[in-house]
Amino acid sequence: MDADSVISIGRQAMEVTILLAAPILLISLAVGLLIAMFQAATQINEMTLSFVPKLIAVAVVLMAAGPWLLRQIVGFTQKLFENIPFLIG
């Protein structure tokens, strides 16, 4: 195993990590922004008002995108396991 293969595996792992985290983080960001604008307009400063909708939105995204997320991580893991013999010798 040389340095190029280690760097390649690390780069692929980072790409998969970003790909898996992006939908959850983007929805949480969008919902948080909408709630913050609502709170600024109404001057309601309740902590649970921002937490609960984000929690619900993340749960909905996980239910909707869960199969796709699982396929992505399983595909990466299978490719990694299949390449073990080539990486060792």
PDB file of N, CA and C in Angstrom:
ATOM      1  N   MET A   1       0.855  -1.169   0.000  1.00  0.00           N
ATOM      2  CA  MET A   1       0.000   0.000   0.000  1.00  0.00           C
ATOM      3  C   MET A   1       0.903   1.235   0.000  1.00  0.00           C
ATOM      4  N   ASP A   2       0.725   2.066  -1.004  1.00  0.00           N
ATOM      5  CA  ASP A   2       1.556   3.259  -1.093  1.00  0.00           C
ATOM      6  C   ASP A   2       0.768   4.491  -0.656  1.00  0.00           C
ATOM      7  N   ALA A   3       1.439   5.606  -0.654  1.00  0.00           N
ATOM      8  CA  ALA A   3       0.831   6.846  -0.161  1.00  0.00           C
ATOM      9  C   ALA A   3      -0.323   7.303  -1.056  1.00  0.00           C
ATOM     10  N   ASP A   4      -0.224   7.056  -2.349  1.00  0.00           N
ATOM     11  CA  ASP A   4      -1.296   7.477  -3.261  1.00  0.00           C
ATOM     12  C   ASP A   4      -2.608   6.752  -2.983  1.00  0.00           C
ATOM     13  N   SER A   5      -2.527   5.467  -2.675  1.00  0.00           N
ATOM     14  CA  SER A   5      -3.756   4.720  -2.388  1.00  0.00           C
ATOM     15  C   SER A   5      -4.367   5.159  -1.059  1.00  0.00           C
ATOM     16  N   VAL A   6      -3.529   5.463  -0.084  1.00  0.00           N
ATOM     17  CA  VAL A   6      -4.046   5.946   1.205  1.00  0.00           C
ATOM     18  C   VAL A   6      -4.731   7.291   1.029  1.00  0.00           C
ATOM     19  N   ILE A   7      -4.110   8.172   0.258  1.00  0.00           N
ATOM     20  CA  ILE A   7      -4.709   9.488   0.006  1.00  0.00           C
ATOM     21  C   ILE A   7      -6.006   9.340  -0.774  1.00  0.00           C
ATOM     22  N   SER A   8      -6.043   8.421  -1.729  1.00  0.00           N
ATOM     23  CA  SER A   8      -7.259   8.190  -2.519  1.00  0.00           C
ATOM     24  C   SER A   8      -8.396   7.675  -1.652  1.00  0.00           C
ATOM     25  N   ILE A   9      -8.094   6.726  -0.778  1.00  0.00           N
ATOM     26  CA  ILE A   9      -9.125   6.188   0.116  1.00  0.00           C
ATOM     27  C   ILE A   9      -9.615   7.268   1.072  1.00  0.00           C
ATOM     28  N   GLY A  10      -8.705   8.055   1.590  1.00  0.00           N
ATOM     29  CA  GLY A  10      -9.101   9.146   2.479  1.00  0.00           C
ATOM     30  C   GLY A  10      -9.964  10.176   1.776  1.00  0.00           C
ATOM     31  N   ARG A  11      -9.618  10.503   0.531  1.00  0.00           N
ATOM     32  CA  ARG A  11     -10.411  11.467  -0.239  1.00  0.00           C
ATOM     33  C   ARG A  11     -11.805  10.918  -0.512  1.00  0.00           C
ATOM     34  N   GLN A  12     -11.889   9.646  -0.890  1.00  0.00           N
ATOM     35  CA  GLN A  12     -13.194   9.034  -1.140  1.00  0.00           C
ATOM     36  C   GLN A  12     -14.034   8.982   0.135  1.00  0.00           C
ATOM     37  N   ALA A  13     -13.394   8.698   1.260  1.00  0.00           N
ATOM     38  CA  ALA A  13     -14.122   8.663   2.537  1.00  0.00           C
ATOM     39  C   ALA A  13     -14.662  10.041   2.889  1.00  0.00           C
ATOM     40  N   MET A  14     -13.870  11.080   2.651  1.00  0.00           N
ATOM     41  CA  MET A  14     -14.335  12.446   2.923  1.00  0.00           C
ATOM     42  C   MET A  14     -15.482  12.827   1.988  1.00  0.00           C
ATOM     43  N   GLU A  15     -15.401  12.425   0.730  1.00  0.00           N
ATOM     44  CA  GLU A  15     -16.486  12.717  -0.211  1.00  0.00           C
ATOM     45  C   GLU A  15     -17.781  12.042   0.215  1.00  0.00           C
ATOM     46  N   VAL A  16     -17.693  10.793   0.624  1.00  0.00           N
ATOM     47  CA  VAL A  16     -18.894  10.072   1.076  1.00  0.00           C
ATOM     48  C   VAL A  16     -19.444  10.707   2.349  1.00  0.00           C
ATOM     49  N   THR A  17     -18.570  11.119   3.243  1.00  0.00           N
ATOM     50  CA  THR A  17     -19.012  11.761   4.481  1.00  0.00           C
ATOM     51  C   THR A  17     -19.748  13.059   4.188  1.00  0.00           C
ATOM     52  N   ILE A  18     -19.199  13.864   3.294  1.00  0.00           N
ATOM     53  CA  ILE A  18     -19.859  15.119   2.921  1.00  0.00           C
ATOM     54  C   ILE A  18     -21.180  14.839   2.232  1.00  0.00           C
ATOM     55  N   LEU A  19     -21.198  13.833   1.366  1.00  0.00           N
ATOM     56  CA  LEU A  19     -22.422  13.473   0.651  1.00  0.00           C
ATOM     57  C   LEU A  19     -23.514  13.001   1.613  1.00  0.00           C
ATOM     58  N   LEU A  20     -23.131  12.278   2.654  1.00  0.00           N
ATOM     59  CA  LEU A  20     -24.113  11.783   3.617  1.00  0.00           C
ATOM     60  C   LEU A  20     -24.599  12.869   4.571  1.00  0.00           C
ATOM     61  N   ALA A  21     -23.731  13.781   4.923  1.00  0.00           N
ATOM     62  CA  ALA A  21     -24.095  14.812   5.892  1.00  0.00           C
ATOM     63  C   ALA A  21     -24.824  15.990   5.259  1.00  0.00           C
ATOM     64  N   ALA A  22     -24.614  16.213   3.972  1.00  0.00           N
ATOM     65  CA  ALA A  22     -25.159  17.410   3.319  1.00  0.00           C
ATOM     66  C   ALA A  22     -26.681  17.538   3.417  1.00  0.00           C
ATOM     67  N   PRO A  23     -27.473  16.506   3.098  1.00  0.00           N
ATOM     68  CA  PRO A  23     -28.929  16.704   3.179  1.00  0.00           C
ATOM     69  C   PRO A  23     -29.420  17.062   4.576  1.00  0.00           C
ATOM     70  N   ILE A  24     -28.867  16.416   5.570  1.00  0.00           N
ATOM     71  CA  ILE A  24     -29.301  16.661   6.943  1.00  0.00           C
ATOM     72  C   ILE A  24     -28.912  18.073   7.380  1.00  0.00           C
ATOM     73  N   LEU A  25     -27.682  18.452   7.091  1.00  0.00           N
ATOM     74  CA  LEU A  25     -27.220  19.774   7.504  1.00  0.00           C
ATOM     75  C   LEU A  25     -27.925  20.894   6.753  1.00  0.00           C
ATOM     76  N   LEU A  26     -28.179  20.705   5.460  1.00  0.00           N
ATOM     77  CA  LEU A  26     -28.841  21.751   4.688  1.00  0.00           C
ATOM     78  C   LEU A  26     -30.284  21.966   5.135  1.00  0.00           C
ATOM     79  N   ILE A  27     -30.995  20.897   5.413  1.00  0.00           N
ATOM     80  CA  ILE A  27     -32.377  21.035   5.894  1.00  0.00           C
ATOM     81  C   ILE A  27     -32.392  21.674   7.270  1.00  0.00           C
ATOM     82  N   SER A  28     -31.480  21.260   8.128  1.00  0.00           N
ATOM     83  CA  SER A  28     -31.407  21.865   9.462  1.00  0.00           C
ATOM     84  C   SER A  28     -31.075  23.357   9.366  1.00  0.00           C
ATOM     85  N   LEU A  29     -30.184  23.706   8.454  1.00  0.00           N
ATOM     86  CA  LEU A  29     -29.834  25.110   8.251  1.00  0.00           C
ATOM     87  C   LEU A  29     -31.024  25.912   7.734  1.00  0.00           C
ATOM     88  N   ALA A  30     -31.736  25.361   6.767  1.00  0.00           N
ATOM     89  CA  ALA A  30     -32.882  26.071   6.190  1.00  0.00           C
ATOM     90  C   ALA A  30     -33.995  26.266   7.218  1.00  0.00           C
ATOM     91  N   VAL A  31     -34.306  25.223   7.964  1.00  0.00           N
ATOM     92  CA  VAL A  31     -35.355  25.328   8.981  1.00  0.00           C
ATOM     93  C   VAL A  31     -34.921  26.295  10.079  1.00  0.00           C
ATOM     94  N   GLY A  32     -33.667  26.236  10.482  1.00  0.00           N
ATOM     95  CA  GLY A  32     -33.168  27.163  11.492  1.00  0.00           C
ATOM     96  C   GLY A  32     -33.240  28.609  11.036  1.00  0.00           C
ATOM     97  N   LEU A  33     -32.925  28.847   9.763  1.00  0.00           N
ATOM     98  CA  LEU A  33     -33.005  30.201   9.223  1.00  0.00           C
ATOM     99  C   LEU A  33     -34.445  30.704   9.198  1.00  0.00           C
ATOM    100  N   LEU A  34     -35.371  29.842   8.769  1.00  0.00           N
ATOM    101  CA  LEU A  34     -36.785  30.242   8.750  1.00  0.00           C
ATOM    102  C   LEU A  34     -37.303  30.541  10.154  1.00  0.00           C
ATOM    103  N   ILE A  35     -36.938  29.703  11.101  1.00  0.00           N
ATOM    104  CA  ILE A  35     -37.378  29.916  12.480  1.00  0.00           C
ATOM    105  C   ILE A  35     -36.751  31.185  13.046  1.00  0.00           C
ATOM    106  N   ALA A  36     -35.490  31.443  12.732  1.00  0.00           N
ATOM    107  CA  ALA A  36     -34.829  32.654  13.217  1.00  0.00           C
ATOM    108  C   ALA A  36     -35.493  33.902  12.640  1.00  0.00           C
ATOM    109  N   MET A  37     -35.872  33.858  11.365  1.00  0.00           N
ATOM    110  CA  MET A  37     -36.567  35.001  10.767  1.00  0.00           C
ATOM    111  C   MET A  37     -37.930  35.203  11.418  1.00  0.00           C
ATOM    112  N   PHE A  38     -38.625  34.107  11.709  1.00  0.00           N
ATOM    113  CA  PHE A  38     -39.919  34.195  12.382  1.00  0.00           C
ATOM    114  C   PHE A  38     -39.748  34.777  13.789  1.00  0.00           C
ATOM    115  N   GLN A  39     -38.728  34.327  14.498  1.00  0.00           N
ATOM    116  CA  GLN A  39     -38.483  34.832  15.846  1.00  0.00           C
ATOM    117  C   GLN A  39     -38.097  36.307  15.824  1.00  0.00           C
ATOM    118  N   ALA A  40     -37.335  36.706  14.825  1.00  0.00           N
ATOM    119  CA  ALA A  40     -36.946  38.119  14.733  1.00  0.00           C
ATOM    120  C   ALA A  40     -38.148  38.991  14.398  1.00  0.00           C
ATOM    121  N   ALA A  41     -39.052  38.479  13.572  1.00  0.00           N
ATOM    122  CA  ALA A  41     -40.214  39.268  13.186  1.00  0.00           C
ATOM    123  C   ALA A  41     -41.220  39.393  14.326  1.00  0.00           C
ATOM    124  N   THR A  42     -41.351  38.339  15.121  1.00  0.00           N
ATOM    125  CA  THR A  42     -42.356  38.351  16.191  1.00  0.00           C
ATOM    126  C   THR A  42     -41.762  38.646  17.563  1.00  0.00           C
ATOM    127  N   GLN A  43     -40.448  38.697  17.667  1.00  0.00           N
ATOM    128  CA  GLN A  43     -39.736  38.924  18.913  1.00  0.00           C
ATOM    129  C   GLN A  43     -40.062  37.867  19.972  1.00  0.00           C
ATOM    130  N   ILE A  44     -40.281  36.647  19.509  1.00  0.00           N
ATOM    131  CA  ILE A  44     -40.474  35.519  20.423  1.00  0.00           C
ATOM    132  C   ILE A  44     -39.122  34.828  20.566  1.00  0.00           C
ATOM    133  N   ASN A  45     -38.587  34.768  21.752  1.00  0.00           N
ATOM    134  CA  ASN A  45     -37.279  34.159  21.982  1.00  0.00           C
ATOM    135  C   ASN A  45     -37.423  32.900  22.829  1.00  0.00           C
ATOM    136  N   GLU A  46     -38.069  31.923  22.292  1.00  0.00           N
ATOM    137  CA  GLU A  46     -38.264  30.650  22.978  1.00  0.00           C
ATOM    138  C   GLU A  46     -37.298  29.635  22.381  1.00  0.00           C
ATOM    139  N   MET A  47     -36.488  28.982  23.227  1.00  0.00           N
ATOM    140  CA  MET A  47     -35.478  28.044  22.745  1.00  0.00           C
ATOM    141  C   MET A  47     -36.093  26.817  22.076  1.00  0.00           C
ATOM    142  N   THR A  48     -37.192  26.316  22.614  1.00  0.00           N
ATOM    143  CA  THR A  48     -37.792  25.115  22.027  1.00  0.00           C
ATOM    144  C   THR A  48     -38.430  25.415  20.678  1.00  0.00           C
ATOM    145  N   LEU A  49     -38.721  26.670  20.406  1.00  0.00           N
ATOM    146  CA  LEU A  49     -39.308  27.022  19.116  1.00  0.00           C
ATOM    147  C   LEU A  49     -38.323  26.767  17.982  1.00  0.00           C
ATOM    148  N   SER A  50     -37.048  26.869  18.237  1.00  0.00           N
ATOM    149  CA  SER A  50     -36.075  26.590  17.192  1.00  0.00           C
ATOM    150  C   SER A  50     -35.616  25.131  17.207  1.00  0.00           C
ATOM    151  N   PHE A  51     -35.627  24.497  18.359  1.00  0.00           N
ATOM    152  CA  PHE A  51     -35.117  23.133  18.468  1.00  0.00           C
ATOM    153  C   PHE A  51     -36.090  22.096  17.921  1.00  0.00           C
ATOM    154  N   VAL A  52     -37.339  22.180  18.294  1.00  0.00           N
ATOM    155  CA  VAL A  52     -38.311  21.154  17.925  1.00  0.00           C
ATOM    156  C   VAL A  52     -38.550  21.087  16.418  1.00  0.00           C
ATOM    157  N   PRO A  53     -38.751  22.197  15.707  1.00  0.00           N
ATOM    158  CA  PRO A  53     -38.931  22.083  14.251  1.00  0.00           C
ATOM    159  C   PRO A  53     -37.701  21.530  13.538  1.00  0.00           C
ATOM    160  N   LYS A  54     -36.502  21.890  14.003  1.00  0.00           N
ATOM    161  CA  LYS A  54     -35.297  21.335  13.391  1.00  0.00           C
ATOM    162  C   LYS A  54     -35.210  19.837  13.635  1.00  0.00           C
ATOM    163  N   LEU A  55     -35.571  19.405  14.818  1.00  0.00           N
ATOM    164  CA  LEU A  55     -35.555  17.983  15.133  1.00  0.00           C
ATOM    165  C   LEU A  55     -36.543  17.222  14.261  1.00  0.00           C
ATOM    166  N   ILE A  56     -37.726  17.767  14.079  1.00  0.00           N
ATOM    167  CA  ILE A  56     -38.735  17.130  13.230  1.00  0.00           C
ATOM    168  C   ILE A  56     -38.275  17.107  11.775  1.00  0.00           C
ATOM    169  N   ALA A  57     -37.696  18.205  11.293  1.00  0.00           N
ATOM    170  CA  ALA A  57     -37.227  18.268   9.905  1.00  0.00           C
ATOM    171  C   ALA A  57     -36.109  17.261   9.656  1.00  0.00           C
ATOM    172  N   VAL A  58     -35.186  17.141  10.587  1.00  0.00           N
ATOM    173  CA  VAL A  58     -34.101  16.171  10.439  1.00  0.00           C
ATOM    174  C   VAL A  58     -34.650  14.752  10.448  1.00  0.00           C
ATOM    175  N   ALA A  59     -35.629  14.466  11.294  1.00  0.00           N
ATOM    176  CA  ALA A  59     -36.233  13.138  11.323  1.00  0.00           C
ATOM    177  C   ALA A  59     -36.929  12.826  10.002  1.00  0.00           C
ATOM    178  N   VAL A  60     -37.626  13.809   9.433  1.00  0.00           N
ATOM    179  CA  VAL A  60     -38.299  13.602   8.146  1.00  0.00           C
ATOM    180  C   VAL A  60     -37.275  13.357   7.036  1.00  0.00           C
ATOM    181  N   VAL A  61     -36.193  14.121   7.045  1.00  0.00           N
ATOM    182  CA  VAL A  61     -35.154  13.925   6.028  1.00  0.00           C
ATOM    183  C   VAL A  61     -34.510  12.552   6.175  1.00  0.00           C
ATOM    184  N   LEU A  62     -34.265  12.129   7.394  1.00  0.00           N
ATOM    185  CA  LEU A  62     -33.677  10.806   7.596  1.00  0.00           C
ATOM    186  C   LEU A  62     -34.613   9.696   7.127  1.00  0.00           C
ATOM    187  N   MET A  63     -35.905   9.873   7.340  1.00  0.00           N
ATOM    188  CA  MET A  63     -36.855   8.859   6.864  1.00  0.00           C
ATOM    189  C   MET A  63     -36.955   8.868   5.345  1.00  0.00           C
ATOM    190  N   ALA A  64     -36.926  10.047   4.742  1.00  0.00           N
ATOM    191  CA  ALA A  64     -37.064  10.141   3.291  1.00  0.00           C
ATOM    192  C   ALA A  64     -35.781   9.738   2.572  1.00  0.00           C
ATOM    193  N   ALA A  65     -34.642  10.187   3.064  1.00  0.00           N
ATOM    194  CA  ALA A  65     -33.377   9.933   2.380  1.00  0.00           C
ATOM    195  C   ALA A  65     -32.614   8.760   2.981  1.00  0.00           C
ATOM    196  N   GLY A  66     -33.166   8.121   3.981  1.00  0.00           N
ATOM    197  CA  GLY A  66     -32.482   7.018   4.652  1.00  0.00           C
ATOM    198  C   GLY A  66     -32.043   5.891   3.734  1.00  0.00           C
ATOM    199  N   PRO A  67     -32.925   5.397   2.869  1.00  0.00           N
ATOM    200  CA  PRO A  67     -32.488   4.317   1.960  1.00  0.00           C
ATOM    201  C   PRO A  67     -31.354   4.743   1.034  1.00  0.00           C
ATOM    202  N   TRP A  68     -31.402   5.963   0.530  1.00  0.00           N
ATOM    203  CA  TRP A  68     -30.332   6.458  -0.334  1.00  0.00           C
ATOM    204  C   TRP A  68     -29.025   6.597   0.445  1.00  0.00           C
ATOM    205  N   LEU A  69     -29.107   7.140   1.660  1.00  0.00           N
ATOM    206  CA  LEU A  69     -27.921   7.281   2.500  1.00  0.00           C
ATOM    207  C   LEU A  69     -27.300   5.922   2.801  1.00  0.00           C
ATOM    208  N   LEU A  70     -28.147   4.949   3.087  1.00  0.00           N
ATOM    209  CA  LEU A  70     -27.664   3.602   3.385  1.00  0.00           C
ATOM    210  C   LEU A  70     -27.004   2.970   2.164  1.00  0.00           C
ATOM    211  N   ARG A  71     -27.598   3.162   0.968  1.00  0.00           N
ATOM    212  CA  ARG A  71     -26.995   2.627  -0.256  1.00  0.00           C
ATOM    213  C   ARG A  71     -25.624   3.241  -0.508  1.00  0.00           C
ATOM    214  N   GLN A  72     -25.484   4.527  -0.241  1.00  0.00           N
ATOM    215  CA  GLN A  72     -24.203   5.194  -0.457  1.00  0.00           C
ATOM    216  C   GLN A  72     -23.114   4.630   0.456  1.00  0.00           C
ATOM    217  N   ILE A  73     -23.409   4.501   1.739  1.00  0.00           N
ATOM    218  CA  ILE A  73     -22.385   4.023   2.666  1.00  0.00           C
ATOM    219  C   ILE A  73     -22.099   2.543   2.465  1.00  0.00           C
ATOM    220  N   VAL A  74     -23.113   1.757   2.136  1.00  0.00           N
ATOM    221  CA  VAL A  74     -22.885   0.331   1.882  1.00  0.00           C
ATOM    222  C   VAL A  74     -22.074   0.146   0.597  1.00  0.00           C
ATOM    223  N   GLY A  75     -22.367   0.917  -0.435  1.00  0.00           N
ATOM    224  CA  GLY A  75     -21.603   0.829  -1.675  1.00  0.00           C
ATOM    225  C   GLY A  75     -20.141   1.185  -1.463  1.00  0.00           C
ATOM    226  N   PHE A  76     -19.876   2.234  -0.706  1.00  0.00           N
ATOM    227  CA  PHE A  76     -18.495   2.618  -0.414  1.00  0.00           C
ATOM    228  C   PHE A  76     -17.788   1.522   0.371  1.00  0.00           C
ATOM    229  N   THR A  77     -18.471   0.964   1.364  1.00  0.00           N
ATOM    230  CA  THR A  77     -17.858  -0.075   2.186  1.00  0.00           C
ATOM    231  C   THR A  77     -17.588  -1.330   1.366  1.00  0.00           C
ATOM    232  N   GLN A  78     -18.514  -1.707   0.494  1.00  0.00           N
ATOM    233  CA  GLN A  78     -18.295  -2.878  -0.350  1.00  0.00           C
ATOM    234  C   GLN A  78     -17.108  -2.681  -1.284  1.00  0.00           C
ATOM    235  N   LYS A  79     -17.012  -1.489  -1.894  1.00  0.00           N
ATOM    236  CA  LYS A  79     -15.858  -1.216  -2.762  1.00  0.00           C
ATOM    237  C   LYS A  79     -14.556  -1.263  -1.978  1.00  0.00           C
ATOM    238  N   LEU A  80     -14.588  -0.755  -0.759  1.00  0.00           N
ATOM    239  CA  LEU A  80     -13.396  -0.759   0.076  1.00  0.00           C
ATOM    240  C   LEU A  80     -12.983  -2.187   0.420  1.00  0.00           C
ATOM    241  N   PHE A  81     -13.947  -3.034   0.793  1.00  0.00           N
ATOM    242  CA  PHE A  81     -13.642  -4.425   1.120  1.00  0.00           C
ATOM    243  C   PHE A  81     -13.178  -5.201  -0.107  1.00  0.00           C
ATOM    244  N   GLU A  82     -13.769  -4.912  -1.269  1.00  0.00           N
ATOM    245  CA  GLU A  82     -13.358  -5.611  -2.486  1.00  0.00           C
ATOM    246  C   GLU A  82     -11.942  -5.250  -2.892  1.00  0.00           C
ATOM    247  N   ASN A  83     -11.489  -4.059  -2.557  1.00  0.00           N
ATOM    248  CA  ASN A  83     -10.159  -3.607  -2.943  1.00  0.00           C
ATOM    249  C   ASN A  83      -9.074  -3.982  -1.935  1.00  0.00           C
ATOM    250  N   ILE A  84      -9.421  -4.629  -0.850  1.00  0.00           N
ATOM    251  CA  ILE A  84      -8.416  -4.999   0.164  1.00  0.00           C
ATOM    252  C   ILE A  84      -7.306  -5.873  -0.427  1.00  0.00           C
ATOM    253  N   PRO A  85      -7.618  -6.902  -1.216  1.00  0.00           N
ATOM    254  CA  PRO A  85      -6.510  -7.715  -1.771  1.00  0.00           C
ATOM    255  C   PRO A  85      -5.559  -6.917  -2.651  1.00  0.00           C
ATOM    256  N   PHE A  86      -6.080  -5.965  -3.396  1.00  0.00           N
ATOM    257  CA  PHE A  86      -5.222  -5.150  -4.264  1.00  0.00           C
ATOM    258  C   PHE A  86      -4.403  -4.158  -3.454  1.00  0.00           C
ATOM    259  N   LEU A  87      -4.922  -3.735  -2.325  1.00  0.00           N
ATOM    260  CA  LEU A  87      -4.204  -2.765  -1.494  1.00  0.00           C
ATOM    261  C   LEU A  87      -3.080  -3.424  -0.693  1.00  0.00           C
ATOM    262  N   ILE A  88      -3.287  -4.683  -0.315  1.00  0.00           N
ATOM    263  CA  ILE A  88      -2.288  -5.373   0.497  1.00  0.00           C
ATOM    264  C   ILE A  88      -1.084  -5.812  -0.334  1.00  0.00           C
ATOM    265  N   GLY A  89      -1.370  -6.436  -1.460  1.00  0.00           N
ATOM    266  CA  GLY A  89      -0.232  -6.974  -2.206  1.00  0.00           C
ATOM    267  C   GLY A  89      -0.316  -6.620  -3.595  1.00  0.00           C
TER     268      GLY A  89
END
